[in-house]
C-alpha cells in the first residue's frame, strides 16, 4: 500500500500544477503558434533594440516552447524531475531577464513569480515522499 505524507501530497499538487502550466503553454506555442513564430513574436521582434544579437534570440526563442512542453510533461509524469525543474527554472530566468531588459520595473506577480514559487516548493519538498511520481515508482521496482 502506498501511504502519503502531507509533504508528499503538497509536492504532488505543486508538481502537477506547475507541470500543467508549462506543458499547456508549450503545447500552444509548439502546435498553435509554432516555435519559430514564438521566437519572432516574443524574442526577435521585441529584442530588436536590445543588446542581445539575433543569433542568440532565434535559437533561444525557438527552444523555449519545446522546453516548456517537454519539461511540463515530465513534471506531470514525475519523470526526470530534477532535469525538468532545472530546465524550466532556466526558462523562467531567461523570460524574466528578457522582460526586465524591456521594462526594468516589469511586474512579476502574474507570470514569473507564481511559477518560481511552485518550482522552489517542488525542489524544497523531498522527492522521495511524492509517491505518485514515476521516478519513485521506477525506484520501487529496482
Protein backbone atom coordinates (compact mmCIF):
# COMPACT_ATOMS: atom_id res chain seq x y z
CA UNK A 1 0.00 0.00 0.00
CA UNK A 2 1.25 3.47 -0.87
CA UNK A 3 0.98 5.88 2.04
CA UNK A 4 1.45 9.60 1.67
CA UNK A 5 2.69 12.33 3.94
CA UNK A 6 1.44 15.90 3.85
CA UNK A 7 4.76 16.92 2.30
CA UNK A 8 4.34 14.28 -0.40
CA UNK A 9 0.82 15.40 -1.20
CA UNK A 10 1.88 19.06 -1.27
CA UNK A 11 4.75 18.22 -3.62
CA UNK A 12 2.43 16.15 -5.83
CA UNK A 13 -0.06 19.01 -6.25
CA UNK A 14 2.67 21.62 -6.79
CA UNK A 15 4.37 19.33 -9.34
CA UNK A 16 1.18 18.73 -11.28
CA UNK A 17 0.15 22.39 -11.18
CA UNK A 18 3.50 23.62 -12.48
CA UNK A 19 3.66 20.77 -14.98
CA UNK A 20 0.27 21.62 -16.48
CA UNK A 21 1.04 25.35 -16.58
CA UNK A 22 4.24 24.76 -18.55
CA UNK A 23 3.02 21.88 -20.68
CA UNK A 24 -0.10 23.71 -21.86
CA UNK A 25 1.86 26.89 -22.59
CA UNK A 26 4.40 24.81 -24.51
CA UNK A 27 1.64 22.92 -26.34
CA UNK A 28 0.07 26.17 -27.51
CA UNK A 29 3.42 27.66 -28.50
CA UNK A 30 4.52 24.49 -30.33
CA UNK A 31 1.31 23.44 -32.09
CA UNK A 32 -0.85 26.55 -32.38
CA UNK A 33 1.76 29.28 -32.71
CA UNK A 34 4.87 27.24 -33.76
CA UNK A 35 8.28 27.68 -32.13
CA UNK A 36 9.56 29.89 -34.98
CA UNK A 37 6.58 32.24 -34.67
CA UNK A 38 7.13 32.31 -30.91
CA UNK A 39 10.77 33.28 -31.39
CA UNK A 40 9.88 36.02 -33.84
CA UNK A 41 6.95 37.46 -31.85
CA UNK A 42 8.37 37.29 -28.32
CA UNK A 43 12.16 37.31 -28.75
CA UNK A 44 13.41 38.69 -32.07
CA UNK A 45 10.80 41.43 -32.58
CA UNK A 46 10.84 42.86 -29.06
CA UNK A 47 14.60 42.26 -28.77
CA UNK A 48 15.49 44.28 -31.87
CA UNK A 49 16.60 47.27 -29.80
CA UNK A 50 18.34 45.27 -27.08
CA UNK A 51 21.99 44.27 -26.75
CA UNK A 52 21.21 40.59 -27.42
CA UNK A 53 22.08 39.60 -31.03
CA UNK A 54 19.61 37.78 -33.29
CA UNK A 55 21.84 34.70 -33.49
CA UNK A 56 21.05 34.20 -29.79
CA UNK A 57 17.41 35.33 -29.85
CA UNK A 58 16.31 32.95 -32.62
CA UNK A 59 17.51 29.65 -31.12
CA UNK A 60 16.56 30.57 -27.55
CA UNK A 61 13.12 31.81 -28.62
CA UNK A 62 12.59 28.64 -30.65
CA UNK A 63 13.77 26.32 -27.86
CA UNK A 64 11.68 27.82 -25.04
CA UNK A 65 8.31 26.37 -26.19
CA UNK A 66 9.86 22.93 -26.70
CA UNK A 67 11.48 23.01 -23.25
CA UNK A 68 8.17 24.13 -21.70
CA UNK A 69 6.27 21.32 -23.42
CA UNK A 70 8.74 18.55 -22.57
CA UNK A 71 9.62 19.85 -19.09
CA UNK A 72 5.95 20.29 -18.18
CA UNK A 73 5.11 16.81 -19.43
CA UNK A 74 7.98 15.28 -17.47
CA UNK A 75 6.80 17.05 -14.32
CA UNK A 76 3.25 15.77 -14.77
CA UNK A 77 4.61 12.25 -15.06
CA UNK A 78 7.12 12.82 -12.28
CA UNK A 79 9.88 11.56 -14.56
CA UNK A 80 13.42 13.03 -14.64
CA UNK A 81 12.12 15.71 -12.33
CA UNK A 82 15.44 17.31 -11.45
CA UNK A 83 16.31 17.88 -15.12
CA UNK A 84 12.80 19.13 -15.88
CA UNK A 85 12.90 21.57 -12.96
CA UNK A 86 16.37 22.85 -13.86
CA UNK A 87 15.30 23.35 -17.49
CA UNK A 88 12.10 25.13 -16.53
CA UNK A 89 13.99 27.25 -13.99
CA UNK A 90 16.34 28.32 -16.77
CA UNK A 91 13.31 29.27 -18.90
CA UNK A 92 11.96 31.37 -16.04
CA UNK A 93 15.28 33.19 -15.68
CA UNK A 94 15.53 33.80 -19.45
CA UNK A 95 11.97 35.11 -19.63
CA UNK A 96 12.44 37.29 -16.55
CA UNK A 97 15.69 38.74 -17.88
CA UNK A 98 14.10 39.49 -21.25
CA UNK A 99 11.14 41.24 -19.67
CA UNK A 100 13.41 43.23 -17.37
CA UNK A 101 15.56 44.33 -20.33
CA UNK A 102 12.46 45.80 -21.95
CA UNK A 103 10.90 47.12 -18.73
CA UNK A 104 13.14 47.40 -15.64
CA UNK A 105 10.02 47.61 -13.44
CA UNK A 106 8.32 44.56 -15.01
CA UNK A 107 5.68 43.15 -12.66
CA UNK A 108 6.44 39.51 -11.99
CA UNK A 109 3.32 38.60 -9.97
CA UNK A 110 1.22 37.40 -12.92
CA UNK A 111 3.66 35.17 -14.71
CA UNK A 112 7.15 34.53 -13.41
CA UNK A 113 6.71 34.76 -9.64
CA UNK A 114 3.96 32.12 -9.16
CA UNK A 115 5.83 29.63 -11.34
CA UNK A 116 9.07 30.31 -9.48
CA UNK A 117 7.36 29.76 -6.13
CA UNK A 118 5.95 26.42 -7.31
CA UNK A 119 9.37 25.42 -8.63
CA UNK A 120 11.02 26.28 -5.29
CA UNK A 121 8.33 24.36 -3.38
CA UNK A 122 8.89 21.28 -5.53
CA UNK A 123 12.66 21.49 -5.05
CA UNK A 124 12.32 22.09 -1.31
CA UNK A 125 9.99 19.19 -0.55
CA UNK A 126 11.52 15.70 -0.54
CA UNK A 127 11.10 13.92 -3.84
CA UNK A 128 11.01 10.58 -2.04
CA UNK A 129 7.69 11.50 -0.38
CA UNK A 130 5.90 12.16 -3.70
CA UNK A 131 4.63 8.60 -4.04
CA UNK A 132 2.90 9.14 -7.40
CA UNK A 133 5.99 10.35 -9.28
CA UNK A 134 7.24 7.97 -11.95
CA UNK A 135 10.79 8.46 -10.65
CA UNK A 136 9.75 6.95 -7.32
CA UNK A 137 7.61 4.19 -8.83
CA UNK A 138 10.52 3.12 -11.02
CA UNK A 139 12.83 3.09 -7.98
CA UNK A 140 10.49 0.71 -6.16
CA UNK A 141 10.94 -1.86 -8.92
CA UNK A 142 14.74 -1.87 -8.69
